[in-house]
Amino acid sequence: QMQLVESGGGLVQPGGSLRLSCAASGSMFSFNAMGWYRQAPGNERELVALKPRTGSSQYADSVKGRFTISRDYVKNTMELQMNSLRPEDTAVYFCNGEMVGRSYWGQGTQVTVSS
């Protein structure tokens, strides 16, 4: 059973940076695509960044130019580098991996941007 575990969340001031990591218990080559989603209180879960096994990464308009998604197939990790953080980036961030007919989610990590 594949598992995804996020880490790296926390409290940061506006304008600061955080790096989230998602560790997969098995080979990341199993996933056709992996991505980061977030959910703020009262809001639906939304896509932040998507990295397919092949092809270009995709980003939500709200994070373009500030966030960068990457996958490390040797370490079996996916990371999200978040720069120039804003209070509206505050949310629980979830790691997601998609296989044919199956979707995997991590437990989430809280990111709070506040002064």
PDB file of N, CA and C in Angstrom:
ATOM      1  N   GLN A   1       0.846  -1.184   0.000  1.00  0.00           N
ATOM      2  CA  GLN A   1       0.000   0.000   0.000  1.00  0.00           C
ATOM      3  C   GLN A   1       0.887   1.241   0.000  1.00  0.00           C
ATOM      4  N   MET A   2       0.751   2.035  -1.040  1.00  0.00           N
ATOM      5  CA  MET A   2       1.539   3.259  -1.140  1.00  0.00           C
ATOM      6  C   MET A   2       1.056   4.269  -0.118  1.00  0.00           C
ATOM      7  N   GLN A   3       2.019   4.932   0.511  1.00  0.00           N
ATOM      8  CA  GLN A   3       1.684   5.997   1.452  1.00  0.00           C
ATOM      9  C   GLN A   3       2.468   7.242   1.108  1.00  0.00           C
ATOM     10  N   LEU A   4       1.834   8.388   1.355  1.00  0.00           N
ATOM     11  CA  LEU A   4       2.468   9.689   1.150  1.00  0.00           C
ATOM     12  C   LEU A   4       2.475  10.436   2.474  1.00  0.00           C
ATOM     13  N   VAL A   5       3.609  10.992   2.839  1.00  0.00           N
ATOM     14  CA  VAL A   5       3.732  11.707   4.109  1.00  0.00           C
ATOM     15  C   VAL A   5       4.351  13.070   3.852  1.00  0.00           C
ATOM     16  N   GLU A   6       3.616  14.122   4.239  1.00  0.00           N
ATOM     17  CA  GLU A   6       4.105  15.487   4.058  1.00  0.00           C
ATOM     18  C   GLU A   6       4.874  15.950   5.293  1.00  0.00           C
ATOM     19  N   SER A   7       5.763  16.901   5.069  1.00  0.00           N
ATOM     20  CA  SER A   7       6.477  17.564   6.155  1.00  0.00           C
ATOM     21  C   SER A   7       6.896  18.952   5.692  1.00  0.00           C
ATOM     22  N   GLY A   8       7.290  19.792   6.649  1.00  0.00           N
ATOM     23  CA  GLY A   8       7.836  21.095   6.298  1.00  0.00           C
ATOM     24  C   GLY A   8       6.925  22.273   6.514  1.00  0.00           C
ATOM     25  N   GLY A   9       5.688  22.032   6.942  1.00  0.00           N
ATOM     26  CA  GLY A   9       4.792  23.151   7.198  1.00  0.00           C
ATOM     27  C   GLY A   9       5.209  23.921   8.442  1.00  0.00           C
ATOM     28  N   GLY A  10       4.520  25.030   8.677  1.00  0.00           N
ATOM     29  CA  GLY A  10       4.821  25.813   9.861  1.00  0.00           C
ATOM     30  C   GLY A  10       4.289  27.224   9.744  1.00  0.00           C
ATOM     31  N   LEU A  11       4.778  28.069  10.659  1.00  0.00           N
ATOM     32  CA  LEU A  11       4.385  29.474  10.700  1.00  0.00           C
ATOM     33  C   LEU A  11       5.500  30.314  10.079  1.00  0.00           C
ATOM     34  N   VAL A  12       5.127  31.195   9.178  1.00  0.00           N
ATOM     35  CA  VAL A  12       6.117  32.046   8.514  1.00  0.00           C
ATOM     36  C   VAL A  12       5.512  33.434   8.335  1.00  0.00           C
ATOM     37  N   GLN A  13       6.357  34.450   8.349  1.00  0.00           N
ATOM     38  CA  GLN A  13       5.886  35.813   8.139  1.00  0.00           C
ATOM     39  C   GLN A  13       5.628  36.085   6.657  1.00  0.00           C
ATOM     40  N   PRO A  14       4.752  37.022   6.366  1.00  0.00           N
ATOM     41  CA  PRO A  14       4.537  37.391   4.953  1.00  0.00           C
ATOM     42  C   PRO A  14       5.857  37.766   4.293  1.00  0.00           C
ATOM     43  N   GLY A  15       6.019  37.284   3.067  1.00  0.00           N
ATOM     44  CA  GLY A  15       7.260  37.498   2.340  1.00  0.00           C
ATOM     45  C   GLY A  15       8.298  36.426   2.558  1.00  0.00           C
ATOM     46  N   GLY A  16       8.058  35.548   3.509  1.00  0.00           N
ATOM     47  CA  GLY A  16       9.007  34.488   3.820  1.00  0.00           C
ATOM     48  C   GLY A  16       8.869  33.284   2.902  1.00  0.00           C
ATOM     49  N   SER A  17       9.657  32.255   3.207  1.00  0.00           N
ATOM     50  CA  SER A  17       9.692  31.046   2.385  1.00  0.00           C
ATOM     51  C   SER A  17       9.528  29.797   3.247  1.00  0.00           C
ATOM     52  N   LEU A  18       8.979  28.766   2.642  1.00  0.00           N
ATOM     53  CA  LEU A  18       8.898  27.440   3.244  1.00  0.00           C
ATOM     54  C   LEU A  18       9.115  26.419   2.141  1.00  0.00           C
ATOM     55  N   ARG A  19       9.610  25.252   2.526  1.00  0.00           N
ATOM     56  CA  ARG A  19       9.777  24.153   1.580  1.00  0.00           C
ATOM     57  C   ARG A  19       9.050  22.942   2.130  1.00  0.00           C
ATOM     58  N   LEU A  20       8.034  22.502   1.419  1.00  0.00           N
ATOM     59  CA  LEU A  20       7.281  21.315   1.802  1.00  0.00           C
ATOM     60  C   LEU A  20       7.868  20.095   1.106  1.00  0.00           C
ATOM     61  N   SER A  21       7.813  18.971   1.789  1.00  0.00           N
ATOM     62  CA  SER A  21       8.301  17.728   1.212  1.00  0.00           C
ATOM     63  C   SER A  21       7.242  16.645   1.355  1.00  0.00           C
ATOM     64  N   CYS A  22       7.154  15.781   0.368  1.00  0.00           N
ATOM     65  CA  CYS A  22       6.231  14.646   0.390  1.00  0.00           C
ATOM     66  C   CYS A  22       7.048  13.396   0.112  1.00  0.00           C
ATOM     67  N   ALA A  23       7.072  12.498   1.075  1.00  0.00           N
ATOM     68  CA  ALA A  23       7.827  11.255   0.930  1.00  0.00           C
ATOM     69  C   ALA A  23       6.884  10.118   0.563  1.00  0.00           C
ATOM     70  N   ALA A  24       7.236   9.388  -0.499  1.00  0.00           N
ATOM     71  CA  ALA A  24       6.445   8.240  -0.923  1.00  0.00           C
ATOM     72  C   ALA A  24       7.062   6.957  -0.375  1.00  0.00           C
ATOM     73  N   SER A  25       6.209   6.019   0.048  1.00  0.00           N
ATOM     74  CA  SER A  25       6.707   4.768   0.626  1.00  0.00           C
ATOM     75  C   SER A  25       7.195   3.800  -0.444  1.00  0.00           C
ATOM     76  N   GLY A  26       6.809   4.052  -1.700  1.00  0.00           N
ATOM     77  CA  GLY A  26       7.247   3.215  -2.803  1.00  0.00           C
ATOM     78  C   GLY A  26       7.814   4.070  -3.919  1.00  0.00           C
ATOM     79  N   SER A  27       8.029   3.458  -5.057  1.00  0.00           N
ATOM     80  CA  SER A  27       8.624   4.173  -6.173  1.00  0.00           C
ATOM     81  C   SER A  27       7.669   5.220  -6.743  1.00  0.00           C
ATOM     82  N   MET A  28       8.183   6.431  -6.902  1.00  0.00           N
ATOM     83  CA  MET A  28       7.369   7.498  -7.473  1.00  0.00           C
ATOM     84  C   MET A  28       7.115   7.300  -8.952  1.00  0.00           C
ATOM     85  N   PHE A  29       7.853   6.373  -9.587  1.00  0.00           N
ATOM     86  CA  PHE A  29       7.584   6.083 -10.992  1.00  0.00           C
ATOM     87  C   PHE A  29       6.201   5.478 -11.174  1.00  0.00           C
ATOM     88  N   SER A  30       5.610   4.997 -10.059  1.00  0.00           N
ATOM     89  CA  SER A  30       4.275   4.405 -10.117  1.00  0.00           C
ATOM     90  C   SER A  30       3.204   5.455 -10.405  1.00  0.00           C
ATOM     91  N   PHE A  31       3.518   6.719 -10.095  1.00  0.00           N
ATOM     92  CA  PHE A  31       2.528   7.777 -10.246  1.00  0.00           C
ATOM     93  C   PHE A  31       2.614   8.415 -11.635  1.00  0.00           C
ATOM     94  N   ASN A  32       1.488   8.525 -12.292  1.00  0.00           N
ATOM     95  CA  ASN A  32       1.447   9.240 -13.567  1.00  0.00           C
ATOM     96  C   ASN A  32       1.644  10.730 -13.350  1.00  0.00           C
ATOM     97  N   ALA A  33       1.107  11.222 -12.257  1.00  0.00           N
ATOM     98  CA  ALA A  33       1.255  12.628 -11.913  1.00  0.00           C
ATOM     99  C   ALA A  33       1.244  12.768 -10.401  1.00  0.00           C
ATOM    100  N   MET A  34       1.928  13.776  -9.928  1.00  0.00           N
ATOM    101  CA  MET A  34       1.888  14.118  -8.510  1.00  0.00           C
ATOM    102  C   MET A  34       1.659  15.608  -8.384  1.00  0.00           C
ATOM    103  N   GLY A  35       1.016  15.990  -7.298  1.00  0.00           N
ATOM    104  CA  GLY A  35       0.734  17.405  -7.135  1.00  0.00           C
ATOM    105  C   GLY A  35       0.552  17.805  -5.695  1.00  0.00           C
ATOM    106  N   TRP A  36       0.479  19.102  -5.510  1.00  0.00           N
ATOM    107  CA  TRP A  36       0.179  19.688  -4.211  1.00  0.00           C
ATOM    108  C   TRP A  36      -1.173  20.397  -4.299  1.00  0.00           C
ATOM    109  N   TYR A  37      -2.001  20.155  -3.299  1.00  0.00           N
ATOM    110  CA  TYR A  37      -3.286  20.815  -3.162  1.00  0.00           C
ATOM    111  C   TYR A  37      -3.298  21.533  -1.813  1.00  0.00           C
ATOM    112  N   ARG A  38      -4.232  22.452  -1.667  1.00  0.00           N
ATOM    113  CA  ARG A  38      -4.390  23.105  -0.370  1.00  0.00           C
ATOM    114  C   ARG A  38      -5.860  23.360  -0.097  1.00  0.00           C
ATOM    115  N   GLN A  39      -6.147  23.450   1.194  1.00  0.00           N
ATOM    116  CA  GLN A  39      -7.524  23.715   1.623  1.00  0.00           C
ATOM    117  C   GLN A  39      -7.493  24.658   2.805  1.00  0.00           C
ATOM    118  N   ALA A  40      -8.096  25.814   2.611  1.00  0.00           N
ATOM    119  CA  ALA A  40      -8.236  26.795   3.687  1.00  0.00           C
ATOM    120  C   ALA A  40      -9.592  26.598   4.348  1.00  0.00           C
ATOM    121  N   PRO A  41      -9.751  27.027   5.603  1.00  0.00           N
ATOM    122  CA  PRO A  41     -11.033  26.862   6.301  1.00  0.00           C
ATOM    123  C   PRO A  41     -12.175  27.475   5.501  1.00  0.00           C
ATOM    124  N   GLY A  42     -13.242  26.699   5.319  1.00  0.00           N
ATOM    125  CA  GLY A  42     -14.410  27.175   4.604  1.00  0.00           C
ATOM    126  C   GLY A  42     -14.303  27.114   3.095  1.00  0.00           C
ATOM    127  N   ASN A  43     -13.140  26.684   2.607  1.00  0.00           N
ATOM    128  CA  ASN A  43     -12.929  26.621   1.154  1.00  0.00           C
ATOM    129  C   ASN A  43     -12.797  25.181   0.679  1.00  0.00           C
ATOM    130  N   GLU A  44     -13.001  24.994  -0.609  1.00  0.00           N
ATOM    131  CA  GLU A  44     -12.777  23.680  -1.192  1.00  0.00           C
ATOM    132  C   GLU A  44     -11.277  23.461  -1.412  1.00  0.00           C
ATOM    133  N   ARG A  45     -10.912  22.198  -1.495  1.00  0.00           N
ATOM    134  CA  ARG A  45      -9.518  21.865  -1.793  1.00  0.00           C
ATOM    135  C   ARG A  45      -9.209  22.302  -3.226  1.00  0.00           C
ATOM    136  N   GLU A  46      -8.066  22.937  -3.401  1.00  0.00           N
ATOM    137  CA  GLU A  46      -7.707  23.449  -4.722  1.00  0.00           C
ATOM    138  C   GLU A  46      -6.310  22.994  -5.123  1.00  0.00           C
ATOM    139  N   LEU A  47      -6.124  22.858  -6.421  1.00  0.00           N
ATOM    140  CA  LEU A  47      -4.819  22.483  -6.945  1.00  0.00           C
ATOM    141  C   LEU A  47      -3.859  23.661  -6.839  1.00  0.00           C
ATOM    142  N   VAL A  48      -2.672  23.403  -6.329  1.00  0.00           N
ATOM    143  CA  VAL A  48      -1.627  24.415  -6.236  1.00  0.00           C
ATOM    144  C   VAL A  48      -0.607  24.216  -7.357  1.00  0.00           C
ATOM    145  N   ALA A  49      -0.105  22.994  -7.479  1.00  0.00           N
ATOM    146  CA  ALA A  49       0.915  22.702  -8.492  1.00  0.00           C
ATOM    147  C   ALA A  49       0.843  21.237  -8.855  1.00  0.00           C
ATOM    148  N   LEU A  50       1.101  20.954 -10.127  1.00  0.00           N
ATOM    149  CA  LEU A  50       1.017  19.591 -10.642  1.00  0.00           C
ATOM    150  C   LEU A  50       2.270  19.282 -11.431  1.00  0.00           C
ATOM    151  N   LYS A  51       2.840  18.098 -11.194  1.00  0.00           N
ATOM    152  CA  LYS A  51       4.013  17.694 -11.961  1.00  0.00           C
ATOM    153  C   LYS A  51       3.769  16.306 -12.530  1.00  0.00           C
ATOM    154  N   PRO A  52       3.516  16.208 -13.818  1.00  0.00           N
ATOM    155  CA  PRO A  52       3.335  14.904 -14.447  1.00  0.00           C
ATOM    156  C   PRO A  52       4.677  14.177 -14.544  1.00  0.00           C
ATOM    157  N   ARG A  53       4.616  12.864 -14.786  1.00  0.00           N
ATOM    158  CA  ARG A  53       5.850  12.105 -14.940  1.00  0.00           C
ATOM    159  C   ARG A  53       6.631  12.608 -16.149  1.00  0.00           C
ATOM    160  N   THR A  54       5.921  12.999 -17.190  1.00  0.00           N
ATOM    161  CA  THR A  54       6.535  13.646 -18.351  1.00  0.00           C
ATOM    162  C   THR A  54       5.749  14.911 -18.654  1.00  0.00           C
ATOM    163  N   GLY A  55       6.412  15.903 -19.213  1.00  0.00           N
ATOM    164  CA  GLY A  55       5.732  17.137 -19.538  1.00  0.00           C
ATOM    165  C   GLY A  55       5.996  18.228 -18.526  1.00  0.00           C
ATOM    166  N   SER A  56       5.375  19.366 -18.773  1.00  0.00           N
ATOM    167  CA  SER A  56       5.636  20.557 -17.975  1.00  0.00           C
ATOM    168  C   SER A  56       4.809  20.593 -16.696  1.00  0.00           C
ATOM    169  N   SER A  57       5.342  21.272 -15.717  1.00  0.00           N
ATOM    170  CA  SER A  57       4.601  21.482 -14.481  1.00  0.00           C
ATOM    171  C   SER A  57       3.499  22.513 -14.720  1.00  0.00           C
ATOM    172  N   GLN A  58       2.474  22.451 -13.891  1.00  0.00           N
ATOM    173  CA  GLN A  58       1.367  23.398 -13.975  1.00  0.00           C
ATOM    174  C   GLN A  58       1.163  24.024 -12.603  1.00  0.00           C
ATOM    175  N   TYR A  59       0.784  25.282 -12.595  1.00  0.00           N
ATOM    176  CA  TYR A  59       0.588  26.015 -11.348  1.00  0.00           C
ATOM    177  C   TYR A  59      -0.723  26.773 -11.369  1.00  0.00           C
ATOM    178  N   ALA A  60      -1.304  26.916 -10.181  1.00  0.00           N
ATOM    179  CA  ALA A  60      -2.438  27.813 -10.040  1.00  0.00           C
ATOM    180  C   ALA A  60      -1.961  29.236 -10.315  1.00  0.00           C
ATOM    181  N   ASP A  61      -2.827  30.042 -10.901  1.00  0.00           N
ATOM    182  CA  ASP A  61      -2.443  31.423 -11.226  1.00  0.00           C
ATOM    183  C   ASP A  61      -1.954  32.174  -9.991  1.00  0.00           C
ATOM    184  N   SER A  62      -2.555  31.863  -8.847  1.00  0.00           N
ATOM    185  CA  SER A  62      -2.236  32.601  -7.627  1.00  0.00           C
ATOM    186  C   SER A  62      -0.824  32.337  -7.115  1.00  0.00           C
ATOM    187  N   VAL A  63      -0.174  31.272  -7.582  1.00  0.00           N
ATOM    188  CA  VAL A  63       1.161  30.937  -7.067  1.00  0.00           C
ATOM    189  C   VAL A  63       2.239  30.983  -8.149  1.00  0.00           C
ATOM    190  N   LYS A  64       1.858  31.238  -9.383  1.00  0.00           N
ATOM    191  CA  LYS A  64       2.844  31.284 -10.468  1.00  0.00           C
ATOM    192  C   LYS A  64       3.921  32.314 -10.173  1.00  0.00           C
ATOM    193  N   GLY A  65       5.158  31.915 -10.377  1.00  0.00           N
ATOM    194  CA  GLY A  65       6.282  32.799 -10.129  1.00  0.00           C
ATOM    195  C   GLY A  65       6.749  32.808  -8.689  1.00  0.00           C
ATOM    196  N   ARG A  66       5.986  32.191  -7.800  1.00  0.00           N
ATOM    197  CA  ARG A  66       6.363  32.163  -6.382  1.00  0.00           C
ATOM    198  C   ARG A  66       6.650  30.749  -5.890  1.00  0.00           C
ATOM    199  N   PHE A  67       5.932  29.762  -6.418  1.00  0.00           N
ATOM    200  CA  PHE A  67       6.071  28.378  -5.985  1.00  0.00           C
ATOM    201  C   PHE A  67       6.726  27.558  -7.087  1.00  0.00           C
ATOM    202  N   THR A  68       7.496  26.544  -6.670  1.00  0.00           N
ATOM    203  CA  THR A  68       8.128  25.636  -7.619  1.00  0.00           C
ATOM    204  C   THR A  68       7.967  24.197  -7.123  1.00  0.00           C
ATOM    205  N   ILE A  69       7.453  23.341  -7.995  1.00  0.00           N
ATOM    206  CA  ILE A  69       7.273  21.925  -7.662  1.00  0.00           C
ATOM    207  C   ILE A  69       8.399  21.115  -8.293  1.00  0.00           C
ATOM    208  N   SER A  70       8.846  20.092  -7.567  1.00  0.00           N
ATOM    209  CA  SER A  70       9.899  19.232  -8.107  1.00  0.00           C
ATOM    210  C   SER A  70       9.699  17.803  -7.599  1.00  0.00           C
ATOM    211  N   ARG A  71      10.218  16.850  -8.356  1.00  0.00           N
ATOM    212  CA  ARG A  71      10.164  15.436  -7.980  1.00  0.00           C
ATOM    213  C   ARG A  71      11.579  14.873  -8.028  1.00  0.00           C
ATOM    214  N   ASP A  72      11.944  14.118  -6.994  1.00  0.00           N
ATOM    215  CA  ASP A  72      13.249  13.461  -6.919  1.00  0.00           C
ATOM    216  C   ASP A  72      13.005  11.959  -6.911  1.00  0.00           C
ATOM    217  N   TYR A  73      13.284  11.313  -8.063  1.00  0.00           N
ATOM    218  CA  TYR A  73      12.989   9.892  -8.192  1.00  0.00           C
ATOM    219  C   TYR A  73      13.998   9.021  -7.453  1.00  0.00           C
ATOM    220  N   VAL A  74      15.122   9.561  -7.100  1.00  0.00           N
ATOM    221  CA  VAL A  74      16.110   8.794  -6.332  1.00  0.00           C
ATOM    222  C   VAL A  74      15.700   8.760  -4.859  1.00  0.00           C
ATOM    223  N   LYS A  75      15.308   9.911  -4.335  1.00  0.00           N
ATOM    224  CA  LYS A  75      14.896   9.984  -2.929  1.00  0.00           C
ATOM    225  C   LYS A  75      13.424   9.622  -2.740  1.00  0.00           C
ATOM    226  N   ASN A  76      12.679   9.488  -3.839  1.00  0.00           N
ATOM    227  CA  ASN A  76      11.227   9.236  -3.760  1.00  0.00           C
ATOM    228  C   ASN A  76      10.518  10.344  -2.996  1.00  0.00           C
ATOM    229  N   THR A  77      10.870  11.571  -3.301  1.00  0.00           N
ATOM    230  CA  THR A  77      10.220  12.708  -2.671  1.00  0.00           C
ATOM    231  C   THR A  77       9.735  13.710  -3.713  1.00  0.00           C
ATOM    232  N   MET A  78       8.728  14.450  -3.337  1.00  0.00           N
ATOM    233  CA  MET A  78       8.240  15.575  -4.119  1.00  0.00           C
ATOM    234  C   MET A  78       8.283  16.790  -3.209  1.00  0.00           C
ATOM    235  N   GLU A  79       8.693  17.907  -3.738  1.00  0.00           N
ATOM    236  CA  GLU A  79       8.834  19.089  -2.906  1.00  0.00           C
ATOM    237  C   GLU A  79       8.098  20.272  -3.521  1.00  0.00           C
ATOM    238  N   LEU A  80       7.751  21.209  -2.654  1.00  0.00           N
ATOM    239  CA  LEU A  80       7.146  22.455  -3.090  1.00  0.00           C
ATOM    240  C   LEU A  80       7.909  23.586  -2.408  1.00  0.00           C
ATOM    241  N   GLN A  81       8.655  24.327  -3.196  1.00  0.00           N
ATOM    242  CA  GLN A  81       9.347  25.501  -2.690  1.00  0.00           C
ATOM    243  C   GLN A  81       8.407  26.682  -2.798  1.00  0.00           C
ATOM    244  N   MET A  82       8.127  27.309  -1.663  1.00  0.00           N
ATOM    245  CA  MET A  82       7.178  28.413  -1.621  1.00  0.00           C
ATOM    246  C   MET A  82       7.911  29.683  -1.195  1.00  0.00           C
ATOM    247  N   ASN A  83       7.955  30.654  -2.061  1.00  0.00           N
ATOM    248  CA  ASN A  83       8.596  31.930  -1.783  1.00  0.00           C
ATOM    249  C   ASN A  83       7.574  33.055  -1.789  1.00  0.00           C
ATOM    250  N   SER A  84       7.961  34.174  -1.233  1.00  0.00           N
ATOM    251  CA  SER A  84       7.095  35.359  -1.207  1.00  0.00           C
ATOM    252  C   SER A  84       5.697  35.009  -0.699  1.00  0.00           C
ATOM    253  N   LEU A  85       5.664  34.308   0.406  1.00  0.00           N
ATOM    254  CA  LEU A  85       4.387  33.832   0.935  1.00  0.00           C
ATOM    255  C   LEU A  85       3.500  34.979   1.379  1.00  0.00           C
ATOM    256  N   ARG A  86       2.204  34.768   1.204  1.00  0.00           N
ATOM    257  CA  ARG A  86       1.187  35.758   1.530  1.00  0.00           C
ATOM    258  C   ARG A  86       0.215  35.170   2.543  1.00  0.00           C
ATOM    259  N   PRO A  87      -0.472  36.012   3.303  1.00  0.00           N
ATOM    260  CA  PRO A  87      -1.470  35.479   4.253  1.00  0.00           C
ATOM    261  C   PRO A  87      -2.505  34.587   3.567  1.00  0.00           C
ATOM    262  N   GLU A  88      -2.849  34.879   2.334  1.00  0.00           N
ATOM    263  CA  GLU A  88      -3.845  34.067   1.636  1.00  0.00           C
ATOM    264  C   GLU A  88      -3.315  32.692   1.221  1.00  0.00           C
ATOM    265  N   ASP A  89      -2.040  32.438   1.426  1.00  0.00           N
ATOM    266  CA  ASP A  89      -1.490  31.100   1.197  1.00  0.00           C
ATOM    267  C   ASP A  89      -1.714  30.183   2.393  1.00  0.00           C
ATOM    268  N   THR A  90      -2.232  30.742   3.476  1.00  0.00           N
ATOM    269  CA  THR A  90      -2.499  29.946   4.675  1.00  0.00           C
ATOM    270  C   THR A  90      -3.527  28.859   4.385  1.00  0.00           C
ATOM    271  N   ALA A  91      -3.154  27.622   4.662  1.00  0.00           N
ATOM    272  CA  ALA A  91      -4.026  26.479   4.371  1.00  0.00           C
ATOM    273  C   ALA A  91      -3.341  25.204   4.853  1.00  0.00           C
ATOM    274  N   VAL A  92      -4.089  24.118   4.811  1.00  0.00           N
ATOM    275  CA  VAL A  92      -3.484  22.801   4.947  1.00  0.00           C
ATOM    276  C   VAL A  92      -3.095  22.342   3.546  1.00  0.00           C
ATOM    277  N   TYR A  93      -1.832  21.936   3.394  1.00  0.00           N
ATOM    278  CA  TYR A  93      -1.315  21.519   2.091  1.00  0.00           C
ATOM    279  C   TYR A  93      -1.241  19.995   2.051  1.00  0.00           C
ATOM    280  N   PHE A  94      -1.758  19.442   0.958  1.00  0.00           N
ATOM    281  CA  PHE A  94      -1.823  17.997   0.789  1.00  0.00           C
ATOM    282  C   PHE A  94      -1.001  17.561  -0.416  1.00  0.00           C
ATOM    283  N   CYS A  95      -0.330  16.471  -0.252  1.00  0.00           N
ATOM    284  CA  CYS A  95       0.394  15.812  -1.338  1.00  0.00           C
ATOM    285  C   CYS A  95      -0.540  14.799  -2.001  1.00  0.00           C
ATOM    286  N   ASN A  96      -0.498  14.729  -3.311  1.00  0.00           N
ATOM    287  CA  ASN A  96      -1.363  13.805  -4.060  1.00  0.00           C
ATOM    288  C   ASN A  96      -0.560  13.065  -5.111  1.00  0.00           C
ATOM    289  N   GLY A  97      -0.888  11.787  -5.291  1.00  0.00           N
ATOM    290  CA  GLY A  97      -0.289  11.002  -6.367  1.00  0.00           C
ATOM    291  C   GLY A  97      -1.385  10.240  -7.103  1.00  0.00           C
ATOM    292  N   GLU A  98      -1.306  10.265  -8.427  1.00  0.00           N
ATOM    293  CA  GLU A  98      -2.336   9.642  -9.258  1.00  0.00           C
ATOM    294  C   GLU A  98      -1.765   8.474 -10.037  1.00  0.00           C
ATOM    295  N   MET A  99      -2.410   7.306  -9.852  1.00  0.00           N
ATOM    296  CA  MET A  99      -2.138   6.152 -10.694  1.00  0.00           C
ATOM    297  C   MET A  99      -3.407   5.890 -11.506  1.00  0.00           C
ATOM    298  N   VAL A 100      -3.345   4.996 -12.455  1.00  0.00           N
ATOM    299  CA  VAL A 100      -4.544   4.657 -13.220  1.00  0.00           C
ATOM    300  C   VAL A 100      -5.573   4.046 -12.263  1.00  0.00           C
ATOM    301  N   GLY A 101      -6.702   4.712 -12.112  1.00  0.00           N
ATOM    302  CA  GLY A 101      -7.786   4.202 -11.291  1.00  0.00           C
ATOM    303  C   GLY A 101      -7.606   4.345  -9.792  1.00  0.00           C
ATOM    304  N   ARG A 102      -6.564   5.063  -9.364  1.00  0.00           N
ATOM    305  CA  ARG A 102      -6.342   5.171  -7.919  1.00  0.00           C
ATOM    306  C   ARG A 102      -5.685   6.506  -7.612  1.00  0.00           C
ATOM    307  N   SER A 103      -6.154   7.123  -6.520  1.00  0.00           N
ATOM    308  CA  SER A 103      -5.613   8.397  -6.081  1.00  0.00           C
ATOM    309  C   SER A 103      -5.126   8.253  -4.648  1.00  0.00           C
ATOM    310  N   TYR A 104      -3.946   8.781  -4.360  1.00  0.00           N
ATOM    311  CA  TYR A 104      -3.361   8.700  -3.026  1.00  0.00           C
ATOM    312  C   TYR A 104      -3.192  10.102  -2.462  1.00  0.00           C
ATOM    313  N   TRP A 105      -3.445  10.239  -1.154  1.00  0.00           N
ATOM    314  CA  TRP A 105      -3.328  11.520  -0.479  1.00  0.00           C
ATOM    315  C   TRP A 105      -2.510  11.367   0.796  1.00  0.00           C
ATOM    316  N   GLY A 106      -1.755  12.404   1.113  1.00  0.00           N
ATOM    317  CA  GLY A 106      -1.103  12.475   2.406  1.00  0.00           C
ATOM    318  C   GLY A 106      -2.069  13.029   3.433  1.00  0.00           C
ATOM    319  N   GLN A 107      -1.585  13.131   4.674  1.00  0.00           N
ATOM    320  CA  GLN A 107      -2.443  13.566   5.770  1.00  0.00           C
ATOM    321  C   GLN A 107      -2.539  15.089   5.857  1.00  0.00           C
ATOM    322  N   GLY A 108      -1.670  15.796   5.155  1.00  0.00           N
ATOM    323  CA  GLY A 108      -1.701  17.254   5.150  1.00  0.00           C
ATOM    324  C   GLY A 108      -0.719  17.860   6.132  1.00  0.00           C
ATOM    325  N   THR A 109      -0.254  19.055   5.794  1.00  0.00           N
ATOM    326  CA  THR A 109       0.631  19.813   6.676  1.00  0.00           C
ATOM    327  C   THR A 109       0.169  21.270   6.676  1.00  0.00           C
ATOM    328  N   GLN A 110       0.109  21.856   7.871  1.00  0.00           N
ATOM    329  CA  GLN A 110      -0.423  23.214   8.007  1.00  0.00           C
ATOM    330  C   GLN A 110       0.642  24.247   7.648  1.00  0.00           C
ATOM    331  N   VAL A 111       0.253  25.199   6.819  1.00  0.00           N
ATOM    332  CA  VAL A 111       1.085  26.362   6.509  1.00  0.00           C
ATOM    333  C   VAL A 111       0.317  27.601   6.938  1.00  0.00           C
ATOM    334  N   THR A 112       0.929  28.390   7.803  1.00  0.00           N
ATOM    335  CA  THR A 112       0.301  29.612   8.287  1.00  0.00           C
ATOM    336  C   THR A 112       1.220  30.786   7.981  1.00  0.00           C
ATOM    337  N   VAL A 113       0.699  31.757   7.263  1.00  0.00           N
ATOM    338  CA  VAL A 113       1.467  32.955   6.913  1.00  0.00           C
ATOM    339  C   VAL A 113       0.862  34.127   7.666  1.00  0.00           C
ATOM    340  N   SER A 114       1.599  34.610   8.646  1.00  0.00           N
ATOM    341  CA  SER A 114       1.068  35.655   9.507  1.00  0.00           C
ATOM    342  C   SER A 114       2.198  36.405  10.174  1.00  0.00           C
ATOM    343  N   SER A 115       1.960  37.682  10.424  1.00  0.00           N
ATOM    344  CA  SER A 115       2.948  38.479  11.148  1.00  0.00           C
ATOM    345  C   SER A 115       2.626  38.501  12.633  1.00  0.00           C
TER     346      SER A 115
END
